[in-house]
């Protein structure tokens, strides 16, 4: 029960990260499951940068790792750092998708949508970095408290 309550509390705070991770994961899955999709001229700028398989597997993998890190959500000390790294990797993927779509030279709504995902992931990276800093500060305080004479007297 405690795990569920903690997940609910953390989900509300990190809902944008969950959305971005899930969106990247699903985008990658869709690209993987539809071979030949990027043969369309609208994706020419993307396929000039990398093949459809690369786009799909990269997005799917980064999104999956990100969702996993959010699921673990602080139960393991490196989770905030993994969240920072995967947020930046998501920024990287969405940015290059924007570049590829722009390079196609065709007007399309993706040039409005994907930059928003870049901005959302940049914000998520900032939030995750703040969490990593806070987690490290708490860990240092705990270590100092455990090493002090006063805390050792209280435990005795």
N, C-alpha and C. Protein backbone atom coordinates (compact mmCIF):
# COMPACT_ATOMS: atom_id res chain seq x y z
N UNK A 1 0.82 -1.19 0.00
CA UNK A 1 0.00 0.00 0.00
C UNK A 1 0.87 1.26 0.00
N UNK A 2 1.94 1.26 0.79
CA UNK A 2 2.82 2.42 0.86
C UNK A 2 3.44 2.71 -0.50
N UNK A 3 3.82 1.68 -1.22
CA UNK A 3 4.42 1.86 -2.55
C UNK A 3 3.43 2.55 -3.48
N UNK A 4 2.18 2.14 -3.45
CA UNK A 4 1.15 2.74 -4.30
C UNK A 4 0.96 4.22 -3.96
N UNK A 5 0.93 4.56 -2.69
CA UNK A 5 0.76 5.95 -2.26
C UNK A 5 1.95 6.79 -2.72
N UNK A 6 3.17 6.25 -2.56
CA UNK A 6 4.36 6.97 -3.01
C UNK A 6 4.35 7.17 -4.52
N UNK A 7 3.94 6.14 -5.27
CA UNK A 7 3.88 6.26 -6.73
C UNK A 7 2.87 7.33 -7.13
N UNK A 8 1.72 7.34 -6.47
CA UNK A 8 0.69 8.34 -6.78
C UNK A 8 1.22 9.74 -6.52
N UNK A 9 1.89 9.92 -5.40
CA UNK A 9 2.44 11.24 -5.05
C UNK A 9 3.51 11.66 -6.06
N UNK A 10 4.41 10.75 -6.41
CA UNK A 10 5.47 11.07 -7.36
C UNK A 10 4.94 11.24 -8.77
N UNK A 11 3.89 10.49 -9.13
CA UNK A 11 3.33 10.61 -10.47
C UNK A 11 2.81 12.02 -10.71
N UNK A 12 2.12 12.58 -9.73
CA UNK A 12 1.58 13.92 -9.89
C UNK A 12 2.69 14.93 -10.15
N UNK A 13 3.78 14.79 -9.43
CA UNK A 13 4.91 15.71 -9.57
C UNK A 13 5.62 15.50 -10.90
N UNK A 14 5.69 14.26 -11.35
CA UNK A 14 6.46 13.91 -12.54
C UNK A 14 5.58 13.52 -13.73
N UNK A 15 4.36 13.98 -13.75
CA UNK A 15 3.44 13.57 -14.82
C UNK A 15 3.95 13.96 -16.21
N UNK A 16 4.62 15.09 -16.33
CA UNK A 16 5.17 15.49 -17.62
C UNK A 16 6.26 14.52 -18.06
N UNK A 17 7.09 14.07 -17.12
CA UNK A 17 8.12 13.09 -17.46
C UNK A 17 7.50 11.77 -17.89
N UNK A 18 6.44 11.34 -17.19
CA UNK A 18 5.74 10.12 -17.57
C UNK A 18 5.16 10.26 -18.98
N UNK A 19 4.52 11.38 -19.24
CA UNK A 19 3.94 11.62 -20.57
C UNK A 19 5.02 11.57 -21.63
N UNK A 20 6.12 12.31 -21.42
CA UNK A 20 7.19 12.36 -22.42
C UNK A 20 7.83 11.00 -22.65
N UNK A 21 8.08 10.26 -21.55
CA UNK A 21 8.67 8.94 -21.68
C UNK A 21 7.75 7.98 -22.43
N UNK A 22 6.48 8.00 -22.07
CA UNK A 22 5.51 7.12 -22.72
C UNK A 22 5.33 7.51 -24.19
N UNK A 23 5.29 8.80 -24.46
CA UNK A 23 5.12 9.28 -25.83
C UNK A 23 6.30 8.86 -26.70
N UNK A 24 7.52 9.01 -26.17
CA UNK A 24 8.70 8.60 -26.93
C UNK A 24 8.70 7.09 -27.16
N UNK A 25 8.36 6.33 -26.13
CA UNK A 25 8.28 4.87 -26.21
C UNK A 25 7.26 4.45 -27.28
N UNK A 26 6.08 5.04 -27.25
CA UNK A 26 5.03 4.69 -28.22
C UNK A 26 5.37 5.14 -29.63
N UNK A 27 6.00 6.32 -29.75
CA UNK A 27 6.42 6.79 -31.07
C UNK A 27 7.40 5.80 -31.66
N UNK A 28 8.37 5.37 -30.85
CA UNK A 28 9.35 4.39 -31.32
C UNK A 28 8.70 3.08 -31.72
N UNK A 29 7.75 2.61 -30.89
CA UNK A 29 7.05 1.35 -31.20
C UNK A 29 6.29 1.47 -32.51
N UNK A 30 5.63 2.60 -32.72
CA UNK A 30 4.86 2.80 -33.95
C UNK A 30 5.77 2.77 -35.17
N UNK A 31 6.91 3.43 -35.06
CA UNK A 31 7.86 3.46 -36.18
C UNK A 31 8.39 2.05 -36.45
N UNK A 32 8.68 1.29 -35.40
CA UNK A 32 9.18 -0.08 -35.56
C UNK A 32 8.13 -0.97 -36.22
N UNK A 33 6.88 -0.81 -35.79
CA UNK A 33 5.81 -1.70 -36.26
C UNK A 33 5.29 -1.37 -37.67
N UNK A 34 5.75 -0.27 -38.24
CA UNK A 34 5.29 0.12 -39.57
C UNK A 34 6.47 0.31 -40.53
N UNK A 35 7.10 -0.81 -40.92
CA UNK A 35 8.23 -0.71 -41.85
C UNK A 35 7.79 -0.04 -43.16
N UNK A 36 8.67 0.76 -43.69
CA UNK A 36 8.37 1.45 -44.94
C UNK A 36 7.63 2.77 -44.74
N UNK A 37 7.22 3.06 -43.51
CA UNK A 37 6.48 4.29 -43.23
C UNK A 37 7.30 5.51 -43.62
N UNK A 38 8.58 5.46 -43.37
CA UNK A 38 9.43 6.62 -43.63
C UNK A 38 9.91 6.70 -45.07
N UNK A 39 9.33 5.85 -45.93
CA UNK A 39 9.61 5.98 -47.36
C UNK A 39 8.84 7.16 -47.96
N UNK A 40 7.86 7.66 -47.22
CA UNK A 40 7.08 8.81 -47.69
C UNK A 40 7.98 10.04 -47.76
N UNK A 41 7.70 10.90 -48.70
CA UNK A 41 8.56 12.07 -48.91
C UNK A 41 8.61 13.00 -47.69
N UNK A 42 7.56 13.00 -46.89
CA UNK A 42 7.52 13.88 -45.71
C UNK A 42 8.62 13.51 -44.71
N UNK A 43 9.07 12.24 -44.74
CA UNK A 43 10.11 11.77 -43.82
C UNK A 43 11.51 11.74 -44.45
N UNK A 44 11.63 12.25 -45.67
CA UNK A 44 12.92 12.20 -46.36
C UNK A 44 14.04 12.84 -45.54
N UNK A 45 13.76 13.97 -44.90
CA UNK A 45 14.77 14.63 -44.08
C UNK A 45 15.22 13.77 -42.91
N UNK A 46 14.30 12.97 -42.35
CA UNK A 46 14.65 12.06 -41.25
C UNK A 46 15.51 10.91 -41.76
N UNK A 47 15.10 10.31 -42.86
CA UNK A 47 15.85 9.16 -43.36
C UNK A 47 17.19 9.55 -43.97
N UNK A 48 17.36 10.84 -44.30
CA UNK A 48 18.68 11.31 -44.72
C UNK A 48 19.63 11.33 -43.52
N UNK A 49 19.10 11.52 -42.33
CA UNK A 49 19.91 11.55 -41.11
C UNK A 49 20.20 10.15 -40.58
N UNK A 50 19.19 9.28 -40.60
CA UNK A 50 19.33 7.90 -40.11
C UNK A 50 18.17 7.08 -40.64
N UNK A 51 18.34 5.76 -40.62
CA UNK A 51 17.29 4.88 -41.12
C UNK A 51 16.10 4.77 -40.18
N UNK A 52 15.00 4.30 -40.72
CA UNK A 52 13.78 4.15 -39.92
C UNK A 52 14.00 3.24 -38.72
N UNK A 53 14.75 2.17 -38.89
CA UNK A 53 15.01 1.25 -37.78
C UNK A 53 15.72 1.96 -36.64
N UNK A 54 16.70 2.81 -36.98
CA UNK A 54 17.43 3.55 -35.95
C UNK A 54 16.50 4.47 -35.19
N UNK A 55 15.67 5.22 -35.91
CA UNK A 55 14.73 6.13 -35.25
C UNK A 55 13.81 5.36 -34.30
N UNK A 56 13.24 4.28 -34.79
CA UNK A 56 12.31 3.50 -33.98
C UNK A 56 12.97 2.89 -32.75
N UNK A 57 14.08 2.20 -32.96
CA UNK A 57 14.76 1.54 -31.83
C UNK A 57 15.30 2.53 -30.82
N UNK A 58 15.82 3.65 -31.29
CA UNK A 58 16.36 4.66 -30.37
C UNK A 58 15.25 5.23 -29.50
N UNK A 59 14.16 5.64 -30.12
CA UNK A 59 13.05 6.22 -29.36
C UNK A 59 12.45 5.18 -28.41
N UNK A 60 12.25 3.97 -28.89
CA UNK A 60 11.67 2.90 -28.08
C UNK A 60 12.55 2.59 -26.86
N UNK A 61 13.85 2.50 -27.08
CA UNK A 61 14.78 2.17 -25.99
C UNK A 61 14.87 3.28 -24.96
N UNK A 62 15.07 4.51 -25.42
CA UNK A 62 15.18 5.63 -24.48
C UNK A 62 13.88 5.80 -23.71
N UNK A 63 12.75 5.72 -24.39
CA UNK A 63 11.46 5.82 -23.72
C UNK A 63 11.26 4.72 -22.70
N UNK A 64 11.66 3.49 -23.04
CA UNK A 64 11.54 2.36 -22.11
C UNK A 64 12.40 2.52 -20.87
N UNK A 65 13.64 2.95 -21.07
CA UNK A 65 14.53 3.17 -19.92
C UNK A 65 13.97 4.28 -19.04
N UNK A 66 13.46 5.30 -19.68
CA UNK A 66 12.89 6.43 -18.92
C UNK A 66 11.68 6.00 -18.10
N UNK A 67 10.80 5.24 -18.68
CA UNK A 67 9.63 4.74 -17.94
C UNK A 67 10.08 3.85 -16.79
N UNK A 68 11.08 3.01 -17.04
CA UNK A 68 11.61 2.15 -15.98
C UNK A 68 12.18 2.95 -14.83
N UNK A 69 12.94 4.01 -15.16
CA UNK A 69 13.52 4.86 -14.11
C UNK A 69 12.43 5.57 -13.32
N UNK A 70 11.39 5.99 -13.98
CA UNK A 70 10.28 6.64 -13.27
C UNK A 70 9.53 5.64 -12.39
N UNK A 71 9.42 4.39 -12.86
CA UNK A 71 8.74 3.35 -12.09
C UNK A 71 9.51 3.08 -10.80
N UNK A 72 10.82 2.93 -10.92
CA UNK A 72 11.66 2.71 -9.75
C UNK A 72 11.58 3.93 -8.84
N UNK A 73 11.65 5.12 -9.44
CA UNK A 73 11.31 6.38 -8.80
C UNK A 73 11.90 6.62 -7.43
N UNK A 74 13.20 6.61 -7.35
CA UNK A 74 13.84 7.00 -6.10
C UNK A 74 14.14 5.86 -5.15
N UNK A 75 13.67 4.66 -5.43
CA UNK A 75 13.95 3.52 -4.56
C UNK A 75 15.41 3.10 -4.72
N UNK A 76 16.01 3.54 -5.80
CA UNK A 76 17.39 3.24 -6.09
C UNK A 76 18.09 4.59 -6.27
N UNK A 77 19.22 4.79 -5.67
CA UNK A 77 19.87 6.09 -5.59
C UNK A 77 20.16 6.79 -6.90
N UNK A 78 20.41 6.05 -7.98
CA UNK A 78 20.80 6.68 -9.24
C UNK A 78 19.62 7.09 -10.11
N UNK A 79 18.40 6.85 -9.66
CA UNK A 79 17.24 7.13 -10.49
C UNK A 79 17.16 8.58 -10.97
N UNK A 80 17.39 9.60 -10.11
CA UNK A 80 17.32 10.97 -10.64
C UNK A 80 18.35 11.22 -11.74
N UNK A 81 19.52 10.62 -11.62
CA UNK A 81 20.53 10.81 -12.66
C UNK A 81 20.10 10.13 -13.95
N UNK A 82 19.51 8.96 -13.85
CA UNK A 82 19.00 8.28 -15.05
C UNK A 82 17.89 9.12 -15.68
N UNK A 83 17.05 9.74 -14.85
CA UNK A 83 15.99 10.61 -15.36
C UNK A 83 16.57 11.82 -16.09
N UNK A 84 17.64 12.40 -15.56
CA UNK A 84 18.29 13.54 -16.22
C UNK A 84 18.84 13.10 -17.58
N UNK A 85 19.57 12.00 -17.58
CA UNK A 85 20.19 11.52 -18.82
C UNK A 85 19.13 11.18 -19.87
N UNK A 86 18.08 10.46 -19.47
CA UNK A 86 17.06 10.09 -20.45
C UNK A 86 16.25 11.30 -20.92
N UNK A 87 16.09 12.30 -20.06
CA UNK A 87 15.43 13.55 -20.50
C UNK A 87 16.27 14.22 -21.58
N UNK A 88 17.58 14.31 -21.35
CA UNK A 88 18.45 14.91 -22.36
C UNK A 88 18.49 14.08 -23.64
N UNK A 89 18.48 12.76 -23.50
CA UNK A 89 18.45 11.91 -24.70
C UNK A 89 17.14 12.12 -25.46
N UNK A 90 16.05 12.30 -24.75
CA UNK A 90 14.76 12.58 -25.40
C UNK A 90 14.81 13.91 -26.13
N UNK A 91 15.42 14.92 -25.50
CA UNK A 91 15.60 16.22 -26.17
C UNK A 91 16.38 16.00 -27.47
N UNK A 92 17.43 15.21 -27.40
CA UNK A 92 18.24 14.92 -28.57
C UNK A 92 17.40 14.30 -29.69
N UNK A 93 16.61 13.28 -29.35
CA UNK A 93 15.79 12.60 -30.36
C UNK A 93 14.76 13.56 -30.95
N UNK A 94 13.99 14.23 -30.09
CA UNK A 94 12.95 15.14 -30.59
C UNK A 94 13.56 16.27 -31.41
N UNK A 95 14.71 16.80 -30.99
CA UNK A 95 15.36 17.87 -31.74
C UNK A 95 15.71 17.42 -33.15
N UNK A 96 16.31 16.23 -33.26
CA UNK A 96 16.70 15.76 -34.58
C UNK A 96 15.51 15.35 -35.43
N UNK A 97 14.42 14.96 -34.80
CA UNK A 97 13.18 14.74 -35.56
C UNK A 97 12.72 16.08 -36.14
N UNK A 98 12.79 17.14 -35.33
CA UNK A 98 12.43 18.48 -35.83
C UNK A 98 13.31 18.87 -37.01
N UNK A 99 14.61 18.66 -36.88
CA UNK A 99 15.55 18.99 -37.96
C UNK A 99 15.21 18.20 -39.21
N UNK A 100 14.96 16.89 -39.05
CA UNK A 100 14.64 16.05 -40.19
C UNK A 100 13.36 16.47 -40.89
N UNK A 101 12.34 16.80 -40.10
CA UNK A 101 11.08 17.24 -40.71
C UNK A 101 11.25 18.58 -41.41
N UNK A 102 12.03 19.46 -40.82
CA UNK A 102 12.29 20.76 -41.44
C UNK A 102 13.04 20.58 -42.76
N UNK A 103 13.99 19.66 -42.76
CA UNK A 103 14.80 19.41 -43.96
C UNK A 103 13.98 18.85 -45.11
N UNK A 104 12.83 18.27 -44.82
CA UNK A 104 12.00 17.74 -45.90
C UNK A 104 11.49 18.87 -46.79
N UNK A 105 11.41 20.08 -46.23
CA UNK A 105 10.95 21.23 -47.02
C UNK A 105 9.45 21.30 -47.18
N UNK A 106 8.73 20.37 -46.58
CA UNK A 106 7.28 20.34 -46.71
C UNK A 106 6.61 20.94 -45.47
N UNK A 107 5.53 21.69 -45.67
CA UNK A 107 4.81 22.20 -44.50
C UNK A 107 4.11 21.03 -43.79
N UNK A 108 4.20 21.04 -42.47
CA UNK A 108 3.59 19.94 -41.71
C UNK A 108 3.41 20.35 -40.25
N UNK A 109 2.43 19.79 -39.62
CA UNK A 109 2.13 20.14 -38.23
C UNK A 109 3.18 19.62 -37.26
N UNK A 110 3.96 18.64 -37.66
CA UNK A 110 5.02 18.12 -36.79
C UNK A 110 6.01 19.20 -36.39
N UNK A 111 6.15 20.22 -37.23
CA UNK A 111 7.07 21.32 -36.92
C UNK A 111 6.52 22.22 -35.81
N UNK A 112 5.28 22.03 -35.45
CA UNK A 112 4.69 22.74 -34.32
C UNK A 112 4.70 21.84 -33.08
N UNK A 113 4.41 20.57 -33.27
CA UNK A 113 4.28 19.62 -32.16
C UNK A 113 5.63 19.25 -31.56
N UNK A 114 6.57 18.81 -32.35
CA UNK A 114 7.83 18.29 -31.83
C UNK A 114 8.68 19.32 -31.09
N UNK A 115 8.74 20.58 -31.51
CA UNK A 115 9.48 21.54 -30.68
C UNK A 115 8.88 21.69 -29.28
N UNK A 116 7.57 21.50 -29.16
CA UNK A 116 6.95 21.51 -27.83
C UNK A 116 7.44 20.36 -26.97
N UNK A 117 7.67 19.20 -27.60
CA UNK A 117 8.21 18.06 -26.87
C UNK A 117 9.67 18.31 -26.47
N UNK A 118 10.42 19.01 -27.31
CA UNK A 118 11.79 19.38 -26.96
C UNK A 118 11.77 20.25 -25.71
N UNK A 119 10.92 21.27 -25.72
CA UNK A 119 10.83 22.18 -24.57
C UNK A 119 10.37 21.45 -23.31
N UNK A 120 9.39 20.56 -23.45
CA UNK A 120 8.89 19.81 -22.29
C UNK A 120 9.98 18.91 -21.71
N UNK A 121 10.78 18.29 -22.58
CA UNK A 121 11.86 17.44 -22.08
C UNK A 121 13.00 18.25 -21.48
N UNK A 122 13.23 19.44 -21.98
CA UNK A 122 14.24 20.31 -21.36
C UNK A 122 13.80 20.68 -19.94
N UNK A 123 12.53 20.98 -19.79
CA UNK A 123 11.98 21.28 -18.46
C UNK A 123 12.08 20.05 -17.56
N UNK A 124 11.76 18.88 -18.11
CA UNK A 124 11.86 17.63 -17.34
C UNK A 124 13.29 17.37 -16.89
N UNK A 125 14.26 17.65 -17.75
CA UNK A 125 15.66 17.47 -17.38
C UNK A 125 16.03 18.39 -16.23
N UNK A 126 15.55 19.61 -16.28
CA UNK A 126 15.79 20.56 -15.19
C UNK A 126 15.20 20.05 -13.88
N UNK A 127 13.96 19.55 -13.94
CA UNK A 127 13.31 19.02 -12.73
C UNK A 127 14.04 17.80 -12.19
N UNK A 128 14.45 16.91 -13.07
CA UNK A 128 15.18 15.71 -12.63
C UNK A 128 16.53 16.09 -12.03
N UNK A 129 17.20 17.09 -12.62
CA UNK A 129 18.49 17.55 -12.08
C UNK A 129 18.28 18.14 -10.68
N UNK A 130 17.20 18.86 -10.49
CA UNK A 130 16.88 19.41 -9.16
C UNK A 130 16.67 18.28 -8.17
N UNK A 131 15.96 17.22 -8.59
CA UNK A 131 15.74 16.07 -7.72
C UNK A 131 17.06 15.38 -7.38
N UNK A 132 17.95 15.27 -8.37
CA UNK A 132 19.25 14.64 -8.13
C UNK A 132 20.05 15.44 -7.12
N UNK A 133 20.03 16.76 -7.26
CA UNK A 133 20.75 17.62 -6.32
C UNK A 133 20.18 17.48 -4.91
N UNK A 134 18.86 17.48 -4.81
CA UNK A 134 18.20 17.34 -3.51
C UNK A 134 18.50 15.98 -2.88
N UNK A 135 18.45 14.91 -3.67
CA UNK A 135 18.73 13.57 -3.16
C UNK A 135 20.16 13.48 -2.64
N UNK A 136 21.11 14.08 -3.35
CA UNK A 136 22.50 14.08 -2.91
C UNK A 136 22.67 14.87 -1.63
N UNK A 137 22.00 16.02 -1.50
CA UNK A 137 22.08 16.82 -0.28
C UNK A 137 21.52 16.06 0.92
N UNK A 138 20.42 15.38 0.72
CA UNK A 138 19.81 14.58 1.80
C UNK A 138 20.74 13.44 2.20
N UNK A 139 21.36 12.79 1.21
CA UNK A 139 22.29 11.69 1.50
C UNK A 139 23.48 12.21 2.32
N UNK A 140 24.01 13.35 1.97
CA UNK A 140 25.15 13.91 2.71
C UNK A 140 24.76 14.27 4.14
N UNK A 141 23.58 14.84 4.30
CA UNK A 141 23.12 15.19 5.65
C UNK A 141 22.97 13.93 6.50
N UNK A 142 22.40 12.88 5.91
CA UNK A 142 22.24 11.61 6.64
C UNK A 142 23.60 11.05 7.04
N UNK A 143 24.55 11.09 6.14
CA UNK A 143 25.89 10.57 6.45
C UNK A 143 26.54 11.37 7.56
N UNK A 144 26.39 12.68 7.53
CA UNK A 144 26.96 13.51 8.59
C UNK A 144 26.28 13.22 9.93
N UNK A 145 24.98 13.05 9.91
CA UNK A 145 24.23 12.78 11.13
C UNK A 145 24.62 11.43 11.72
N UNK A 146 24.77 10.44 10.86
CA UNK A 146 25.14 9.10 11.33
C UNK A 146 26.56 9.07 11.89
N UNK A 147 27.43 9.95 11.42
CA UNK A 147 28.82 9.95 11.88
C UNK A 147 29.04 10.79 13.12
N UNK A 148 28.07 11.64 13.46
CA UNK A 148 28.27 12.52 14.61
C UNK A 148 28.11 11.76 15.92
N UNK A 149 28.74 12.24 16.96
CA UNK A 149 28.68 11.62 18.28
C UNK A 149 27.27 11.66 18.85
N UNK A 150 26.55 12.74 18.59
CA UNK A 150 25.22 12.91 19.16
C UNK A 150 24.28 11.82 18.63
N UNK A 151 24.33 11.56 17.37
CA UNK A 151 23.42 10.56 16.82
C UNK A 151 23.80 9.17 17.30
N UNK A 152 25.09 8.90 17.52
CA UNK A 152 25.49 7.58 18.01
C UNK A 152 25.06 7.39 19.45
N UNK A 153 25.00 8.48 20.22
CA UNK A 153 24.50 8.38 21.60
C UNK A 153 23.01 8.09 21.61
N UNK A 154 22.28 8.70 20.69
CA UNK A 154 20.83 8.47 20.63
C UNK A 154 20.52 7.02 20.28
N UNK A 155 21.31 6.42 19.42
CA UNK A 155 21.05 5.04 19.03
C UNK A 155 21.37 4.07 20.15
N UNK A 156 22.24 4.43 21.06
CA UNK A 156 22.68 3.51 22.13
C UNK A 156 21.65 3.32 23.18
